[in-house]
Amino acid sequence: MRMRFSKMEGIGNDFVMIDDRNFIIQNHISYSKLSKKVCNRNFGIGGDGLIVVNNSESHDIKFRIFNPDGTEPEMCGNGIRCYAKFIYDNKILSKKVFEVETLAGTIIPSVNVNENNIVETVRVDMGIPVLEPKLIPYVSDQKEVISEKIKVDGQEFEITPVSMGNPHGVIFVDEITDDLVHKIGPKLEIDKMFPEKANIEFIKVLSKNEMDMRVWERGAGETLACGTGASASLVAAVLNNKTDNKVLIHLLGGNLEIEWNLETKHVFKTGPATLAFEGNIEI
C-alpha cells in the first residue's frame, strides 16, 4: 500500500503528517508500527513523531501523535502547530481557529496566514498547566512541587514538575551541557518519581523575559524543540520567581514566544510551522 504524507517541522521538531480520516491506513497497519517505520531516519522518512488526522465526534478534528518508539504521548506543542498548518493549508477545515481533540484535552490553535493564505505561524492555547503531583503524575503528597531536590548519579538537582497534558520535569541550571542533557536527561525520564516517565527540560535564565532551553523528550531523546516543554518551563520559571509571565525561549531549532495569562491561567504559545516536503511511501 502506498501512503501519501507531508513532512513538516516546527523550529526543527519534525513530523510525518498523514490524513487518515477514513481509517484506511489504520486498517492496513497500526499507527504504532507505522510510526516506528516512517520515523526511522535511515530506513524511513525520518521524524520526531508521526501525527495523524482523525475525525472527531466532539470537536472540529482529532489529533494523535506517536513517538519513534511507537508509544503514544498525550500531546506535542510543536506538533500541534504543524498539525494546524496541515489542516488549514490542505483545506480539511476552513476556519482559522478550531477546537482539536487530543489525549490532553481540548487544544485551540489559531493560524496566522500570509497574503497567499498560507499559514506562517500558529498561536496555540495550550490550556491550564497541571501542578497537582498525582495528576502530572509525580510522586508527592504536596499540593504543588516547586524546586524539590532530586538525586541522579550522585548529583543533586532541583526539579519542578508540571503537566501540559504530558509530564515534564523542569531544572534550572547555570549552564546547559551535553552531559546534562544526554546523561542526566534519560535517567530522570525514567526516574521512579515519574510513574509514566517524563520530558526533562534544562533551562538557563538569561533575563526576566528570555531563557535558553534544551530538552530530553520521553520516548524520543533530545529534540531540537518541544512546545509543551517550553510552556511547562515558563510556568516553572514563574513559580520559581525567575521570569515574568511572557518570555522568549531559545531552543536548538529556533524561538518560541510563551505567555502564561495569570488571570485565566491559560498558557499561549506562538511559533512557526513549515512544510518541508510531500511524497508517497510504500507501507
Protein backbone atom coordinates (compact mmCIF):
# COMPACT_ATOMS: atom_id res chain seq x y z
CA MET A 1 0.00 0.00 0.00
CA ARG A 2 1.26 3.48 -0.90
CA MET A 3 0.68 6.23 1.63
CA ARG A 4 0.62 9.97 0.97
CA PHE A 5 2.42 12.06 3.62
CA SER A 6 3.69 15.53 4.38
CA LYS A 7 6.95 16.16 6.24
CA MET A 8 6.72 19.24 8.45
CA GLU A 9 8.79 20.94 11.11
CA GLY A 10 8.25 23.43 13.90
CA ILE A 11 11.61 25.05 14.76
CA GLY A 12 13.40 21.80 13.99
CA ASN A 13 10.97 19.43 15.72
CA ASP A 14 9.98 17.37 12.66
CA PHE A 15 6.98 15.18 11.98
CA VAL A 16 5.45 12.87 9.39
CA MET A 17 1.86 14.03 8.85
CA ILE A 18 -0.92 11.82 7.48
CA ASP A 19 -4.66 12.27 6.90
CA ASP A 20 -6.43 9.08 7.93
CA ARG A 21 -9.97 10.31 8.49
CA ASN A 22 -11.23 7.25 6.59
CA PHE A 23 -9.04 4.84 8.64
CA ILE A 24 -7.73 3.12 5.51
CA ILE A 25 -4.16 3.35 6.81
CA GLN A 26 -5.03 2.15 10.32
CA ASN A 27 -6.87 -0.84 8.84
CA HIS A 28 -3.66 -1.76 6.99
CA ILE A 29 -1.10 -1.16 9.77
CA SER A 30 -1.28 0.07 13.35
CA TYR A 31 -0.17 3.66 13.91
CA SER A 32 2.38 2.42 16.44
CA LYS A 33 4.08 0.12 13.91
CA LEU A 34 3.79 2.77 11.22
CA SER A 35 5.49 5.36 13.42
CA LYS A 36 8.45 3.07 14.07
CA LYS A 37 8.78 2.54 10.32
CA VAL A 38 8.39 6.07 8.97
CA CYS A 39 10.22 7.93 11.76
CA ASN A 40 13.39 5.91 11.20
CA ARG A 41 15.93 8.33 9.71
CA ASN A 42 17.90 5.60 7.94
CA PHE A 43 15.17 3.31 6.62
CA GLY A 44 12.11 5.58 6.60
CA ILE A 45 11.18 9.23 6.14
CA GLY A 46 12.66 10.37 9.44
CA GLY A 47 10.97 12.36 12.16
CA ASP A 48 10.45 13.03 15.84
CA GLY A 49 6.94 11.63 15.55
CA LEU A 50 4.02 10.53 13.38
CA ILE A 51 0.99 12.84 13.53
CA VAL A 52 -2.39 11.52 12.43
CA VAL A 53 -5.54 13.43 11.45
CA ASN A 54 -8.73 11.64 12.52
CA ASN A 55 -12.35 12.80 12.62
CA SER A 56 -13.79 13.71 16.00
CA GLU A 57 -17.31 13.24 17.30
CA SER A 58 -16.97 16.06 19.85
CA HIS A 59 -14.52 18.56 18.29
CA ASP A 60 -13.72 20.05 14.89
CA ILE A 61 -10.97 17.47 14.37
CA LYS A 62 -8.84 14.93 16.26
CA PHE A 63 -5.06 14.89 16.81
CA ARG A 64 -2.98 11.79 17.54
CA ILE A 65 0.78 11.57 17.76
CA PHE A 66 3.13 8.58 18.02
CA ASN A 67 6.78 8.65 19.07
CA PRO A 68 9.55 6.96 17.05
CA ASP A 69 9.42 4.07 19.54
CA GLY A 70 5.71 3.53 18.84
CA THR A 71 4.37 4.97 22.09
CA GLU A 72 1.51 7.48 22.02
CA PRO A 73 2.02 10.65 24.10
CA GLU A 74 -0.87 12.89 25.06
CA MET A 75 0.18 16.00 23.15
CA CYS A 76 3.01 17.82 21.37
CA GLY A 77 3.25 21.60 21.31
CA ASN A 78 5.33 21.92 18.13
CA GLY A 79 3.38 19.08 16.58
CA ILE A 80 0.05 20.81 17.12
CA ARG A 81 1.32 23.87 15.24
CA CYS A 82 2.36 21.71 12.29
CA TYR A 83 -0.97 19.93 12.56
CA ALA A 84 -2.88 23.23 12.44
CA LYS A 85 -0.98 24.33 9.32
CA PHE A 86 -1.58 20.92 7.71
CA ILE A 87 -5.32 21.14 8.48
CA TYR A 88 -5.73 24.68 7.11
CA ASP A 89 -3.40 24.53 4.10
CA ASN A 90 -4.96 21.24 2.95
CA LYS A 91 -8.48 22.68 3.40
CA ILE A 92 -9.50 19.94 5.83
CA LEU A 93 -11.04 22.82 7.81
CA SER A 94 -11.64 26.34 6.54
CA LYS A 95 -11.69 28.14 9.92
CA LYS A 96 -8.64 29.92 11.26
CA VAL A 97 -9.46 28.99 14.87
CA PHE A 98 -10.61 25.47 15.67
CA GLU A 99 -11.03 23.01 18.52
CA VAL A 100 -8.82 19.94 18.44
CA GLU A 101 -9.45 16.75 20.38
CA THR A 102 -6.27 15.38 21.97
CA LEU A 103 -5.47 12.93 24.74
CA ALA A 104 -4.54 16.01 26.78
CA GLY A 105 -7.98 17.55 26.28
CA THR A 106 -9.15 20.35 24.01
CA ILE A 107 -6.42 22.39 22.30
CA ILE A 108 -7.33 25.53 20.34
CA PRO A 109 -4.85 26.68 17.65
CA SER A 110 -5.21 29.96 15.77
CA VAL A 111 -3.48 30.17 12.38
CA ASN A 112 -1.84 33.33 11.02
CA VAL A 113 -1.73 33.39 7.21
CA ASN A 114 0.25 35.38 4.63
CA GLU A 115 -1.03 37.21 1.55
CA ASN A 116 -1.33 33.86 -0.27
CA ASN A 117 -3.50 32.40 2.51
CA ILE A 118 -0.68 30.07 3.57
CA VAL A 119 -0.11 29.54 7.30
CA GLU A 120 3.16 31.02 8.55
CA THR A 121 2.75 31.00 12.34
CA VAL A 122 0.32 29.44 14.77
CA ARG A 123 -0.76 30.66 18.21
CA VAL A 124 -1.95 27.84 20.43
CA ASP A 125 -3.98 27.98 23.60
CA MET A 126 -2.18 25.22 25.47
CA GLY A 127 -4.72 25.23 28.29
CA ILE A 128 -4.15 25.39 32.04
CA PRO A 129 -0.98 23.77 33.43
CA VAL A 130 -1.46 20.94 35.88
CA LEU A 131 0.55 21.35 39.09
CA GLU A 132 -1.06 18.74 41.36
CA PRO A 133 1.53 15.94 41.57
CA LYS A 134 -0.85 12.97 41.31
CA LEU A 135 -2.29 14.39 38.08
CA ILE A 136 1.10 15.06 36.43
CA PRO A 137 1.86 12.31 37.61
CA TYR A 138 4.70 12.86 40.11
CA VAL A 139 5.16 11.04 43.41
CA SER A 140 4.47 13.54 46.19
CA ASP A 141 1.90 14.28 48.91
CA GLN A 142 2.22 18.04 48.39
CA LYS A 143 -0.35 20.20 46.57
CA GLU A 144 2.41 21.63 44.35
CA VAL A 145 6.08 20.76 44.00
CA ILE A 146 8.46 23.65 43.39
CA SER A 147 12.23 23.12 43.24
CA GLU A 148 12.24 19.76 45.00
CA LYS A 149 15.66 18.18 45.42
CA ILE A 150 16.27 15.03 43.37
CA LYS A 151 19.48 12.98 43.14
CA VAL A 152 20.89 11.39 39.99
CA ASP A 153 24.34 9.75 39.73
CA GLY A 154 25.42 11.36 43.00
CA GLN A 155 24.44 14.82 41.77
CA GLU A 156 21.62 16.85 43.30
CA PHE A 157 19.21 18.91 41.22
CA GLU A 158 16.11 20.95 41.94
CA ILE A 159 13.15 19.89 39.82
CA THR A 160 9.74 21.47 39.26
CA PRO A 161 7.20 19.03 37.78
CA VAL A 162 4.48 20.43 35.52
CA SER A 163 1.99 18.80 33.16
CA MET A 164 0.84 20.46 29.94
CA GLY A 165 -1.23 17.37 29.17
CA ASN A 166 2.01 15.38 29.33
CA PRO A 167 4.52 15.20 32.20
CA HIS A 168 7.55 17.49 32.42
CA GLY A 169 10.38 17.98 34.89
CA VAL A 170 11.99 21.43 34.68
CA ILE A 171 15.51 22.03 36.01
CA PHE A 172 17.22 25.45 36.13
CA VAL A 173 20.99 25.40 35.65
CA ASP A 174 23.82 27.91 35.27
CA GLU A 175 24.96 26.30 32.01
CA ILE A 176 23.27 23.66 29.83
CA THR A 177 25.77 20.97 28.87
CA ASP A 178 25.68 17.87 26.68
CA ASP A 179 26.33 15.73 29.76
CA LEU A 180 23.27 17.16 31.49
CA VAL A 181 21.00 16.52 28.52
CA HIS A 182 22.34 13.14 27.38
CA LYS A 183 23.33 11.54 30.70
CA ILE A 184 21.04 13.07 33.32
CA GLY A 185 18.06 13.57 30.98
CA PRO A 186 17.44 9.90 30.15
CA LYS A 187 17.81 8.86 33.79
CA LEU A 188 15.33 11.45 35.00
CA GLU A 189 12.94 10.46 32.17
CA ILE A 190 12.52 7.05 33.80
CA ASP A 191 13.04 8.08 37.45
CA LYS A 192 10.65 6.42 39.91
CA MET A 193 9.26 9.86 40.83
CA PHE A 194 7.64 9.97 37.36
CA PRO A 195 5.46 6.82 37.16
CA GLU A 196 4.60 7.49 33.49
CA LYS A 197 8.09 8.80 32.64
CA ALA A 198 8.65 12.46 31.77
CA ASN A 199 10.11 15.01 29.41
CA ILE A 200 13.07 16.73 31.07
CA GLU A 201 13.88 20.40 30.39
CA PHE A 202 17.17 22.08 31.25
CA ILE A 203 16.80 25.87 31.46
CA LYS A 204 19.26 28.74 31.62
CA VAL A 205 17.55 32.00 32.53
CA LEU A 206 19.02 34.93 30.59
CA SER A 207 16.75 37.70 31.87
CA LYS A 208 13.22 38.26 33.15
CA ASN A 209 11.87 37.72 29.64
CA GLU A 210 14.37 35.39 27.95
CA MET A 211 15.58 31.81 28.51
CA ASP A 212 17.64 29.09 26.81
CA MET A 213 16.23 25.56 26.80
CA ARG A 214 17.26 22.04 25.83
CA VAL A 215 15.00 19.05 26.23
CA TRP A 216 15.23 15.30 26.60
CA GLU A 217 11.86 14.02 25.39
CA ARG A 218 10.10 10.94 26.70
CA GLY A 219 10.29 8.25 24.02
CA ALA A 220 12.26 10.38 21.56
CA GLY A 221 15.54 11.52 23.16
CA GLU A 222 16.90 15.03 22.64
CA THR A 223 14.90 17.01 20.08
CA LEU A 224 15.50 20.44 18.61
CA ALA A 225 12.34 21.80 20.20
CA CYS A 226 9.40 20.92 22.44
CA GLY A 227 6.37 23.18 22.64
CA THR A 228 4.76 21.62 25.71
CA GLY A 229 8.21 21.65 27.32
CA ALA A 230 8.66 25.35 26.59
CA SER A 231 5.21 26.00 28.06
CA ALA A 232 5.97 23.97 31.18
CA SER A 233 9.33 25.73 31.53
CA LEU A 234 7.75 29.18 31.59
CA VAL A 235 5.24 28.03 34.21
CA ALA A 236 8.09 26.64 36.32
CA ALA A 237 10.09 29.87 35.86
CA VAL A 238 7.18 31.99 37.09
CA LEU A 239 6.56 29.65 40.04
CA ASN A 240 10.26 29.97 40.96
CA ASN A 241 10.18 33.79 40.55
CA LYS A 242 12.82 33.65 37.83
CA THR A 243 10.99 35.40 34.95
CA ASP A 244 7.96 37.45 34.03
CA ASN A 245 4.89 35.67 32.64
CA LYS A 246 5.82 36.32 28.98
CA VAL A 247 9.16 35.00 27.74
CA LEU A 248 11.06 34.36 24.52
CA ILE A 249 12.54 30.87 24.73
CA HIS A 250 15.55 29.93 22.61
CA LEU A 251 15.60 26.26 21.62
CA LEU A 252 18.13 24.48 19.41
CA GLY A 253 15.73 24.72 16.44
CA GLY A 254 14.55 28.29 16.92
CA ASN A 255 12.47 30.53 19.17
CA LEU A 256 9.05 30.29 20.78
CA GLU A 257 7.08 33.05 22.45
CA ILE A 258 5.32 31.71 25.55
CA GLU A 259 2.85 33.62 27.71
CA TRP A 260 1.08 32.50 30.90
CA ASN A 261 -2.07 34.55 31.42
CA LEU A 262 -2.15 34.75 35.21
CA GLU A 263 -5.85 35.69 35.26
CA THR A 264 -7.24 32.88 33.10
CA LYS A 265 -4.29 30.56 33.94
CA HIS A 266 -4.07 29.57 30.25
CA VAL A 267 -0.68 29.24 28.55
CA PHE A 268 -0.28 30.54 24.99
CA LYS A 269 2.47 29.53 22.60
CA THR A 270 3.31 31.24 19.30
CA GLY A 271 5.77 29.98 16.70
CA PRO A 272 6.31 28.94 13.08
CA ALA A 273 5.26 25.79 11.25
CA THR A 274 6.88 24.82 7.96
CA LEU A 275 6.21 22.28 5.22
CA ALA A 276 9.48 20.56 4.31
CA PHE A 277 8.28 18.24 1.54
CA GLU A 278 5.48 15.90 0.48
CA GLY A 279 5.60 12.43 -1.01
CA ASN A 280 4.45 8.83 -1.07
CA ILE A 281 5.88 5.83 0.74
CA GLU A 282 5.22 2.12 0.44
CA ILE A 283 3.86 0.75 3.73
